[in-house]
C-alpha atoms as a PDB file:
ATOM      1  CA  MET A   1       0.003 -19.201  19.720  1.00  0.00           C
ATOM      2  CA  SER A   2      -1.712 -15.824  19.987  1.00  0.00           C
ATOM      3  CA  GLU A   3      -5.383 -15.023  19.624  1.00  0.00           C
ATOM      4  CA  ARG A   4      -6.571 -13.960  16.183  1.00  0.00           C
ATOM      5  CA  ILE A   5      -6.956 -10.223  15.637  1.00  0.00           C
ATOM      6  CA  ARG A   6     -10.221  -9.377  13.895  1.00  0.00           C
ATOM      7  CA  VAL A   7     -10.592  -5.727  14.900  1.00  0.00           C
ATOM      8  CA  LEU A   8      -7.997  -3.089  15.769  1.00  0.00           C
ATOM      9  CA  HIS A   9      -9.150  -0.218  17.996  1.00  0.00           C
ATOM     10  CA  HIS A  10      -6.965   2.848  17.545  1.00  0.00           C
ATOM     11  CA  ASP A  11      -7.340   6.628  17.525  1.00  0.00           C
ATOM     12  CA  GLY A  12     -11.040   6.317  18.370  1.00  0.00           C
ATOM     13  CA  LEU A  13     -11.590   4.168  15.254  1.00  0.00           C
ATOM     14  CA  SER A  14     -12.199   0.472  14.576  1.00  0.00           C
ATOM     15  CA  PHE A  15     -10.252  -1.245  11.795  1.00  0.00           C
ATOM     16  CA  ASP A  16     -11.053  -4.616  10.231  1.00  0.00           C
ATOM     17  CA  VAL A  17      -8.153  -7.067  10.080  1.00  0.00           C
ATOM     18  CA  LEU A  18      -7.804 -10.317   8.122  1.00  0.00           C
ATOM     19  CA  ASP A  19      -5.597 -12.442  10.390  1.00  0.00           C
ATOM     20  CA  GLU A  20      -4.867 -15.674   8.524  1.00  0.00           C
ATOM     21  CA  GLY A  21      -2.287 -18.419   8.140  1.00  0.00           C
ATOM     22  CA  PRO A  22      -0.446 -20.589  10.665  1.00  0.00           C
ATOM     23  CA  SER A  23      -1.108 -19.344  14.187  1.00  0.00           C
ATOM     24  CA  ASP A  24       2.563 -19.779  15.079  1.00  0.00           C
ATOM     25  CA  GLY A  25       3.803 -18.312  11.802  1.00  0.00           C
ATOM     26  CA  ARG A  26       6.173 -15.386  11.482  1.00  0.00           C
ATOM     27  CA  PRO A  27       4.013 -12.238  11.359  1.00  0.00           C
ATOM     28  CA  ILE A  28       3.739 -10.084   8.247  1.00  0.00           C
ATOM     29  CA  VAL A  29       1.487  -7.036   7.934  1.00  0.00           C
ATOM     30  CA  LEU A  30      -0.015  -6.319   4.506  1.00  0.00           C
ATOM     31  CA  LEU A  31      -1.149  -2.819   3.491  1.00  0.00           C
ATOM     32  CA  HIS A  32      -3.430  -2.400   0.479  1.00  0.00           C
ATOM     33  CA  GLY A  33      -3.599   0.527  -1.921  1.00  0.00           C
ATOM     34  CA  PHE A  34      -6.244   2.600  -3.709  1.00  0.00           C
ATOM     35  CA  PRO A  35      -8.937   1.760  -4.663  1.00  0.00           C
ATOM     36  CA  GLU A  36      -8.796  -1.685  -3.043  1.00  0.00           C
ATOM     37  CA  ARG A  37      -9.157  -3.315   0.365  1.00  0.00           C
ATOM     38  CA  SER A  38      -7.357  -6.098   2.174  1.00  0.00           C
ATOM     39  CA  THR A  39      -8.795  -8.589  -0.325  1.00  0.00           C
ATOM     40  CA  THR A  40      -6.221  -7.355  -2.852  1.00  0.00           C
ATOM     41  CA  TRP A  41      -3.896  -9.865  -1.146  1.00  0.00           C
ATOM     42  CA  ARG A  42      -6.250 -12.845  -1.589  1.00  0.00           C
ATOM     43  CA  LEU A  43      -4.050 -14.563  -4.201  1.00  0.00           C
ATOM     44  CA  VAL A  44      -0.793 -13.736  -2.413  1.00  0.00           C
ATOM     45  CA  THR A  45      -1.598 -14.797   1.149  1.00  0.00           C
ATOM     46  CA  PRO A  46      -1.966 -18.563   0.499  1.00  0.00           C
ATOM     47  CA  LEU A  47       1.600 -18.564  -0.852  1.00  0.00           C
ATOM     48  CA  LEU A  48       2.845 -16.643   2.182  1.00  0.00           C
ATOM     49  CA  HIS A  49       1.074 -19.099   4.475  1.00  0.00           C
ATOM     50  CA  GLU A  50       2.809 -22.013   2.732  1.00  0.00           C
ATOM     51  CA  ALA A  51       6.095 -20.279   3.512  1.00  0.00           C
ATOM     52  CA  GLY A  52       5.234 -20.205   7.215  1.00  0.00           C
ATOM     53  CA  LEU A  53       4.009 -16.628   7.471  1.00  0.00           C
ATOM     54  CA  ARG A  54       0.975 -15.451   9.406  1.00  0.00           C
ATOM     55  CA  THR A  55      -0.638 -12.579   7.506  1.00  0.00           C
ATOM     56  CA  TYR A  56      -2.364  -9.546   8.962  1.00  0.00           C
ATOM     57  CA  ALA A  57      -4.128  -7.646   6.147  1.00  0.00           C
ATOM     58  CA  LEU A  58      -5.539  -4.342   7.381  1.00  0.00           C
ATOM     59  CA  ASP A  59      -8.540  -2.530   5.912  1.00  0.00           C
ATOM     60  CA  GLN A  60      -6.989   0.894   6.306  1.00  0.00           C
ATOM     61  CA  ARG A  61      -8.347   4.278   7.350  1.00  0.00           C
ATOM     62  CA  GLY A  62     -11.310   5.275   5.192  1.00  0.00           C
ATOM     63  CA  TYR A  63     -11.953   1.693   4.094  1.00  0.00           C
ATOM     64  CA  SER A  64     -13.066  -0.014   7.314  1.00  0.00           C
ATOM     65  CA  PRO A  65     -16.645   1.115   8.110  1.00  0.00           C
ATOM     66  CA  GLY A  66     -15.594   1.927  11.668  1.00  0.00           C
ATOM     67  CA  ALA A  67     -12.639   4.054  10.541  1.00  0.00           C
ATOM     68  CA  ARG A  68     -14.042   6.711   8.212  1.00  0.00           C
ATOM     69  CA  PRO A  69     -13.348  10.181   9.640  1.00  0.00           C
ATOM     70  CA  ARG A  70     -14.598  13.069   7.502  1.00  0.00           C
ATOM     71  CA  ARG A  71     -11.883  15.689   7.942  1.00  0.00           C
ATOM     72  CA  ARG A  72      -9.118  15.592   5.361  1.00  0.00           C
ATOM     73  CA  ARG A  73      -6.473  16.240   8.033  1.00  0.00           C
ATOM     74  CA  ASP A  74      -7.397  12.862   9.495  1.00  0.00           C
ATOM     75  CA  TYR A  75      -5.815  11.279   6.412  1.00  0.00           C
ATOM     76  CA  ARG A  76      -2.364  12.829   6.778  1.00  0.00           C
ATOM     77  CA  MET A  77       0.514  10.377   6.529  1.00  0.00           C
ATOM     78  CA  SER A  78       1.262  10.639  10.240  1.00  0.00           C
ATOM     79  CA  ARG A  79      -2.218   9.233  10.954  1.00  0.00           C
ATOM     80  CA  LEU A  80      -2.017   6.551   8.250  1.00  0.00           C
ATOM     81  CA  ALA A  81       1.375   5.342   9.435  1.00  0.00           C
ATOM     82  CA  GLY A  82       0.142   5.514  13.014  1.00  0.00           C
ATOM     83  CA  ASP A  83      -2.602   3.023  12.192  1.00  0.00           C
ATOM     84  CA  ALA A  84      -0.063   0.519  10.840  1.00  0.00           C
ATOM     85  CA  VAL A  85       2.189   1.066  13.858  1.00  0.00           C
ATOM     86  CA  ALA A  86      -0.763   0.432  16.178  1.00  0.00           C
ATOM     87  CA  LEU A  87      -1.421  -2.922  14.483  1.00  0.00           C
ATOM     88  CA  ILE A  88       2.233  -3.919  14.689  1.00  0.00           C
ATOM     89  CA  GLU A  89       2.337  -3.032  18.372  1.00  0.00           C
ATOM     90  CA  ARG A  90      -0.864  -5.027  18.921  1.00  0.00           C
ATOM     91  CA  ILE A  91       0.786  -8.022  17.249  1.00  0.00           C
ATOM     92  CA  GLY A  92       3.802  -7.520  19.466  1.00  0.00           C
ATOM     93  CA  GLY A  93       6.332  -6.685  16.706  1.00  0.00           C
ATOM     94  CA  PRO A  94       8.792  -6.558  15.142  1.00  0.00           C
ATOM     95  CA  VAL A  95       7.142  -7.883  11.983  1.00  0.00           C
ATOM     96  CA  HIS A  96       7.740  -8.183   8.280  1.00  0.00           C
ATOM     97  CA  LEU A  97       5.855  -5.594   6.230  1.00  0.00           C
ATOM     98  CA  ALA A  98       4.610  -5.345   2.643  1.00  0.00           C
ATOM     99  CA  GLY A  99       2.507  -2.669   0.977  1.00  0.00           C
ATOM    100  CA  HIS A 100       1.114  -1.922  -2.467  1.00  0.00           C
ATOM    101  CA  ASP A 101       0.350   1.489  -3.995  1.00  0.00           C
ATOM    102  CA  TRP A 102      -0.761   3.796  -1.145  1.00  0.00           C
ATOM    103  CA  GLY A 103       0.026   0.918   1.204  1.00  0.00           C
ATOM    104  CA  SER A 104       3.591   1.194  -0.056  1.00  0.00           C
ATOM    105  CA  ALA A 105       3.647   4.910   0.785  1.00  0.00           C
ATOM    106  CA  VAL A 106       2.473   4.087   4.316  1.00  0.00           C
ATOM    107  CA  GLY A 107       5.042   1.311   4.605  1.00  0.00           C
ATOM    108  CA  TRP A 108       7.871   3.643   3.624  1.00  0.00           C
ATOM    109  CA  ALA A 109       6.728   6.034   6.357  1.00  0.00           C
ATOM    110  CA  VAL A 110       6.751   3.238   8.938  1.00  0.00           C
ATOM    111  CA  ALA A 111      10.187   2.057   7.780  1.00  0.00           C
ATOM    112  CA  MET A 112      11.580   5.583   8.078  1.00  0.00           C
ATOM    113  CA  ARG A 113       9.984   6.450  11.411  1.00  0.00           C
ATOM    114  CA  ARG A 114       9.872   3.124  13.279  1.00  0.00           C
ATOM    115  CA  PRO A 115      12.544   0.775  11.908  1.00  0.00           C
ATOM    116  CA  ASP A 116      12.631  -0.913  15.305  1.00  0.00           C
ATOM    117  CA  LEU A 117       9.243  -2.447  14.509  1.00  0.00           C
ATOM    118  CA  LEU A 118      10.288  -4.084  11.230  1.00  0.00           C
ATOM    119  CA  ARG A 119      12.301  -7.153  10.266  1.00  0.00           C
ATOM    120  CA  SER A 120      11.922  -6.522   6.541  1.00  0.00           C
ATOM    121  CA  TRP A 121      10.056  -4.227   4.154  1.00  0.00           C
ATOM    122  CA  THR A 122       8.716  -5.004   0.665  1.00  0.00           C
ATOM    123  CA  ALA A 123       7.383  -2.010  -1.271  1.00  0.00           C
ATOM    124  CA  ILE A 124       5.226  -2.828  -4.284  1.00  0.00           C
ATOM    125  CA  SER A 125       4.839  -0.344  -7.147  1.00  0.00           C
ATOM    126  CA  VAL A 126       5.643   2.878  -5.260  1.00  0.00           C
ATOM    127  CA  PRO A 127       9.252   4.014  -4.675  1.00  0.00           C
ATOM    128  CA  HIS A 128      10.739   5.836  -1.692  1.00  0.00           C
ATOM    129  CA  PRO A 129       8.868   9.140  -1.186  1.00  0.00           C
ATOM    130  CA  ALA A 130      11.967  11.292  -1.615  1.00  0.00           C
ATOM    131  CA  ALA A 131      12.816   9.513  -4.877  1.00  0.00           C
ATOM    132  CA  PHE A 132       9.221   9.964  -6.023  1.00  0.00           C
ATOM    133  CA  ALA A 133       9.300  13.661  -5.109  1.00  0.00           C
ATOM    134  CA  ARG A 134      12.376  14.110  -7.292  1.00  0.00           C
ATOM    135  CA  ALA A 135      10.680  12.180 -10.104  1.00  0.00           C
ATOM    136  CA  MET A 136       7.757  14.613  -9.877  1.00  0.00           C
ATOM    137  CA  ARG A 137      10.091  17.317 -11.164  1.00  0.00           C
ATOM    138  CA  THR A 138      10.060  15.561 -14.532  1.00  0.00           C
ATOM    139  CA  PRO A 139       7.277  16.030 -17.118  1.00  0.00           C
ATOM    140  CA  ALA A 140       6.895  12.264 -17.513  1.00  0.00           C
ATOM    141  CA  GLN A 141       5.993  11.643 -13.865  1.00  0.00           C
ATOM    142  CA  ARG A 142       3.818  14.752 -13.652  1.00  0.00           C
ATOM    143  CA  ARG A 143       1.789  13.505 -16.624  1.00  0.00           C
ATOM    144  CA  ARG A 144       1.267  10.148 -14.955  1.00  0.00           C
ATOM    145  CA  SER A 145       0.189  11.825 -11.722  1.00  0.00           C
ATOM    146  CA  ARG A 146      -2.419  14.168 -13.214  1.00  0.00           C
ATOM    147  CA  TYR A 147      -5.214  11.994 -11.813  1.00  0.00           C
ATOM    148  CA  MET A 148      -4.274  13.240  -8.331  1.00  0.00           C
ATOM    149  CA  ALA A 149      -5.530  16.716  -9.249  1.00  0.00           C
ATOM    150  CA  PHE A 150      -8.853  15.230 -10.361  1.00  0.00           C
ATOM    151  CA  PHE A 151      -9.154  13.291  -7.097  1.00  0.00           C
ATOM    152  CA  ASN A 152      -8.722  16.562  -5.184  1.00  0.00           C
ATOM    153  CA  LEU A 153     -11.807  18.111  -6.768  1.00  0.00           C
ATOM    154  CA  PRO A 154     -14.792  18.167  -4.402  1.00  0.00           C
ATOM    155  CA  LEU A 155     -17.585  15.664  -5.192  1.00  0.00           C
ATOM    156  CA  LEU A 156     -16.773  15.234  -8.889  1.00  0.00           C
ATOM    157  CA  PRO A 157     -14.765  11.983  -8.495  1.00  0.00           C
ATOM    158  CA  GLU A 158     -17.543  10.477  -6.368  1.00  0.00           C
ATOM    159  CA  LEU A 159     -20.173  11.517  -8.902  1.00  0.00           C
ATOM    160  CA  SER A 160     -18.148  10.084 -11.775  1.00  0.00           C
ATOM    161  CA  ALA A 161     -18.011   6.717  -9.980  1.00  0.00           C
ATOM    162  CA  ARG A 162     -21.756   6.435  -9.463  1.00  0.00           C
ATOM    163  CA  ARG A 163     -22.536   5.141 -12.943  1.00  0.00           C
ATOM    164  CA  PRO A 164     -21.145   1.692 -13.802  1.00  0.00           C
ATOM    165  CA  GLY A 165     -18.999   1.966 -16.895  1.00  0.00           C
ATOM    166  CA  GLY A 166     -18.584   5.721 -16.436  1.00  0.00           C
ATOM    167  CA  ARG A 167     -15.477   7.889 -16.299  1.00  0.00           C
ATOM    168  CA  PHE A 168     -14.118   6.382 -13.112  1.00  0.00           C
ATOM    169  CA  ASP A 169     -14.474   2.797 -14.307  1.00  0.00           C
ATOM    170  CA  GLN A 170     -12.885   3.722 -17.627  1.00  0.00           C
ATOM    171  CA  SER A 171      -9.906   5.275 -15.847  1.00  0.00           C
ATOM    172  CA  MET A 172      -9.424   2.076 -13.838  1.00  0.00           C
ATOM    173  CA  ARG A 173      -9.393   0.027 -17.053  1.00  0.00           C
ATOM    174  CA  ARG A 174      -6.855   2.393 -18.612  1.00  0.00           C
ATOM    175  CA  ALA A 175      -4.730   1.871 -15.507  1.00  0.00           C
ATOM    176  CA  GLY A 176      -4.679  -1.860 -16.237  1.00  0.00           C
ATOM    177  CA  MET A 177      -7.573  -3.264 -14.211  1.00  0.00           C
ATOM    178  CA  SER A 178      -9.464  -6.164 -15.760  1.00  0.00           C
ATOM    179  CA  ASP A 179     -13.264  -6.141 -16.032  1.00  0.00           C
ATOM    180  CA  ALA A 180     -13.433  -8.458 -13.010  1.00  0.00           C
ATOM    181  CA  GLU A 181     -11.212  -6.120 -10.991  1.00  0.00           C
ATOM    182  CA  VAL A 182     -13.336  -3.103 -11.916  1.00  0.00           C
ATOM    183  CA  GLU A 183     -16.413  -5.028 -10.810  1.00  0.00           C
ATOM    184  CA  ARG A 184     -14.721  -5.816  -7.495  1.00  0.00           C
ATOM    185  CA  PHE A 185     -13.890  -2.111  -7.145  1.00  0.00           C
ATOM    186  CA  ARG A 186     -17.555  -1.248  -7.606  1.00  0.00           C
ATOM    187  CA  ARG A 187     -18.651  -3.858  -5.082  1.00  0.00           C
ATOM    188  CA  GLU A 188     -15.958  -3.440  -2.426  1.00  0.00           C
ATOM    189  CA  ILE A 189     -15.328   0.315  -2.650  1.00  0.00           C
ATOM    190  CA  VAL A 190     -18.209   2.183  -4.287  1.00  0.00           C
ATOM    191  CA  GLU A 191     -21.141   0.124  -2.996  1.00  0.00           C
ATOM    192  CA  TYR A 192     -19.359  -0.379   0.335  1.00  0.00           C
ATOM    193  CA  GLY A 193     -19.350   3.396   0.851  1.00  0.00           C
ATOM    194  CA  ALA A 194     -15.575   3.672   1.075  1.00  0.00           C
ATOM    195  CA  LEU A 195     -14.778   5.840  -1.952  1.00  0.00           C
ATOM    196  CA  PRO A 196     -15.318   9.349  -0.473  1.00  0.00           C
ATOM    197  CA  HIS A 197     -13.109   8.446   2.488  1.00  0.00           C
ATOM    198  CA  ALA A 198     -10.471   6.666   0.411  1.00  0.00           C
ATOM    199  CA  LEU A 199     -10.174   9.846  -1.657  1.00  0.00           C
ATOM    200  CA  GLY A 200      -9.333  11.618   1.603  1.00  0.00           C
ATOM    201  CA  TRP A 201      -5.804  10.199   1.260  1.00  0.00           C
ATOM    202  CA  TYR A 202      -5.305  12.312  -1.877  1.00  0.00           C
ATOM    203  CA  ARG A 203      -7.112  15.324  -0.485  1.00  0.00           C
ATOM    204  CA  ALA A 204      -4.775  15.404   2.508  1.00  0.00           C
ATOM    205  CA  LEU A 205      -1.674  15.627   0.283  1.00  0.00           C
ATOM    206  CA  PRO A 206      -1.684  19.463   0.250  1.00  0.00           C
ATOM    207  CA  LEU A 207      -1.339  19.309   4.046  1.00  0.00           C
ATOM    208  CA  ALA A 208       1.985  17.449   3.860  1.00  0.00           C
ATOM    209  CA  ARG A 209       4.979  19.234   5.336  1.00  0.00           C
ATOM    210  CA  PRO A 210       7.715  20.104   2.814  1.00  0.00           C
ATOM    211  CA  GLY A 211      10.795  17.966   3.281  1.00  0.00           C
ATOM    212  CA  SER A 212       9.071  15.501   5.608  1.00  0.00           C
ATOM    213  CA  ALA A 213       9.835  12.640   3.184  1.00  0.00           C
ATOM    214  CA  ASP A 214      13.608  13.131   3.231  1.00  0.00           C
ATOM    215  CA  HIS A 215      14.482  10.281   5.556  1.00  0.00           C
ATOM    216  CA  ARG A 216      16.732   7.298   5.016  1.00  0.00           C
ATOM    217  CA  VAL A 217      15.608   3.703   5.469  1.00  0.00           C
ATOM    218  CA  THR A 218      17.683   1.285   7.542  1.00  0.00           C
ATOM    219  CA  VAL A 219      15.414  -1.747   7.101  1.00  0.00           C
ATOM    220  CA  SER A 220      16.184  -4.658   4.756  1.00  0.00           C
ATOM    221  CA  THR A 221      14.151  -3.632   1.682  1.00  0.00           C
ATOM    222  CA  THR A 222      12.827  -4.840  -1.666  1.00  0.00           C
ATOM    223  CA  LEU A 223      11.023  -2.701  -4.240  1.00  0.00           C
ATOM    224  CA  VAL A 224       8.824  -4.540  -6.756  1.00  0.00           C
ATOM    225  CA  TRP A 225       7.909  -2.538  -9.854  1.00  0.00           C
ATOM    226  CA  SER A 226       6.257  -3.471 -13.161  1.00  0.00           C
ATOM    227  CA  ASP A 227       7.145  -2.001 -16.521  1.00  0.00           C
ATOM    228  CA  ARG A 228       3.532  -1.452 -17.569  1.00  0.00           C
ATOM    229  CA  ASP A 229       2.692   0.674 -14.548  1.00  0.00           C
ATOM    230  CA  VAL A 230       0.836   3.721 -15.882  1.00  0.00           C
ATOM    231  CA  ALA A 231       1.205   5.689 -12.632  1.00  0.00           C
ATOM    232  CA  ILE A 232       4.890   5.310 -11.767  1.00  0.00           C
ATOM    233  CA  THR A 233       7.845   5.989 -14.071  1.00  0.00           C
ATOM    234  CA  ARG A 234      11.104   4.216 -13.415  1.00  0.00           C
ATOM    235  CA  ILE A 235      12.786   7.535 -12.592  1.00  0.00           C
ATOM    236  CA  GLY A 236      11.687   7.293  -8.955  1.00  0.00           C
ATOM    237  CA  VAL A 237      12.248   3.549  -8.989  1.00  0.00           C
ATOM    238  CA  ASP A 238      15.875   3.954 -10.046  1.00  0.00           C
ATOM    239  CA  GLY A 239      16.359   6.658  -7.421  1.00  0.00           C
ATOM    240  CA  THR A 240      15.138   4.570  -4.497  1.00  0.00           C
ATOM    241  CA  ALA A 241      18.365   2.682  -3.778  1.00  0.00           C
ATOM    242  CA  ALA A 242      20.084   5.915  -2.748  1.00  0.00           C
ATOM    243  CA  TRP A 243      17.675   6.239   0.174  1.00  0.00           C
ATOM    244  CA  VAL A 244      18.121   2.741   1.623  1.00  0.00           C
ATOM    245  CA  ASP A 245      21.061   2.176   3.977  1.00  0.00           C
ATOM    246  CA  ALA A 246      20.439  -1.561   4.259  1.00  0.00           C
ATOM    247  CA  PRO A 247      20.358  -4.631   2.001  1.00  0.00           C
ATOM    248  CA  TYR A 248      18.225  -3.638  -0.996  1.00  0.00           C
ATOM    249  CA  GLN A 249      16.891  -5.248  -4.143  1.00  0.00           C
ATOM    250  CA  LEU A 250      14.831  -4.032  -7.087  1.00  0.00           C
ATOM    251  CA  VAL A 251      12.583  -6.656  -8.672  1.00  0.00           C
ATOM    252  CA  GLU A 252      11.260  -5.555 -12.059  1.00  0.00           C
ATOM    253  CA  LEU A 253       8.320  -7.439 -13.571  1.00  0.00           C
ATOM    254  CA  THR A 254       7.816  -7.307 -17.318  1.00  0.00           C
ATOM    255  CA  GLY A 255       4.434  -7.194 -19.007  1.00  0.00           C
ATOM    256  CA  VAL A 256       2.563  -6.515 -15.751  1.00  0.00           C
ATOM    257  CA  SER A 257       0.414  -3.473 -14.964  1.00  0.00           C
ATOM    258  CA  HIS A 258       0.209  -1.532 -11.705  1.00  0.00           C
ATOM    259  CA  TRP A 259      -1.984  -4.170 -10.018  1.00  0.00           C
ATOM    260  CA  ILE A 260       0.807  -6.563  -9.093  1.00  0.00           C
ATOM    261  CA  PRO A 261      -0.797  -8.448  -6.154  1.00  0.00           C
ATOM    262  CA  THR A 262      -3.775  -9.552  -8.259  1.00  0.00           C
ATOM    263  CA  GLN A 263      -2.139  -9.857 -11.683  1.00  0.00           C
ATOM    264  CA  ALA A 264       1.219 -11.352 -10.701  1.00  0.00           C
ATOM    265  CA  PRO A 265       0.586 -12.951  -7.291  1.00  0.00           C
ATOM    266  CA  ASP A 266       3.261 -15.630  -7.671  1.00  0.00           C
ATOM    267  CA  ASP A 267       5.965 -13.078  -8.454  1.00  0.00           C
ATOM    268  CA  CYS A 268       4.679 -10.787  -5.712  1.00  0.00           C
ATOM    269  CA  ALA A 269       4.741 -13.526  -3.085  1.00  0.00           C
ATOM    270  CA  ALA A 270       8.160 -14.753  -4.235  1.00  0.00           C
ATOM    271  CA  ALA A 271       9.669 -11.277  -3.831  1.00  0.00           C
ATOM    272  CA  ILE A 272       8.177 -10.905  -0.354  1.00  0.00           C
ATOM    273  CA  ILE A 273       9.348 -14.352   0.757  1.00  0.00           C
ATOM    274  CA  GLU A 274      12.844 -13.779  -0.636  1.00  0.00           C
ATOM    275  CA  ARG A 275      13.142 -10.541   1.338  1.00  0.00           C
ATOM    276  CA  VAL A 276      11.820 -12.223   4.497  1.00  0.00           C
ATOM    277  CA  VAL A 277      14.321 -15.066   4.219  1.00  0.00           C
ATOM    278  CA  ALA A 278      17.202 -12.721   3.386  1.00  0.00           C
ATOM    279  CA  SER A 279      16.462 -10.516   6.380  1.00  0.00           C
ATOM    280  CA  GLU A 280      16.384 -13.526   8.690  1.00  0.00           C
ATOM    281  CA  VAL A 281      19.847 -14.656   7.600  1.00  0.00           C
ATOM    282  CA  GLY A 282      21.185 -11.114   7.762  1.00  0.00           C
ATOM    283  CA  ALA A 283      21.463 -10.521   4.022  1.00  0.00           C
END
């Protein structure tokens, strides 16, 4: 039995960690997306604990109060993936890994760069980065990704989020968030002071190196995608299998929006557990 991890110190920053479940359980790291924190997993983790998993949900860079650098280069993928790697190494890896939205993008980076640290990988909502890059060549995916240009504008996104019920809240509702989820966003992101730093993930995208996403994955992988996702077309989803040189499964949820961990927690947990079990029996 190892001591609970509450704080991760890495890269001169301090990250909050929710370390829960059976102390002798198989470790799984959970990476949240935008604009949410580790609490996005609150309905999923009890099911993972019942399956014998010990969950480590990280409040990522920009979200933890002690990990909010101001420079946009501090939010490059190499730094974001490095934070997850640091947690896995602190746990003593290898571990199982799951990520949603931006957490999925980080998880893909870890799976590509450090497969030795992973037993299995479950991506939720976001496909392999090379498949997504190819999807961005299509008008359909570019239309769904227009919000990224807005998030790159200085100050305007933050200003639009100041007023409850304003443009930012409306965009979250159009993306499928319920009123309760928008209220949680206001409480846990806006009022918590995380939004300007969370937007740093988008503002660092122009700093990405061309071709850096073209790496194959050798980790046992599942991609969970929902057909009412307003941000991700199935073009990139269908292209993901070509980038995984390992057992792979696509789980498609019908009638579910982008916010799978909170709106379909049973299906989310089931997909994660199935991948964990399959990886442990070598399937």
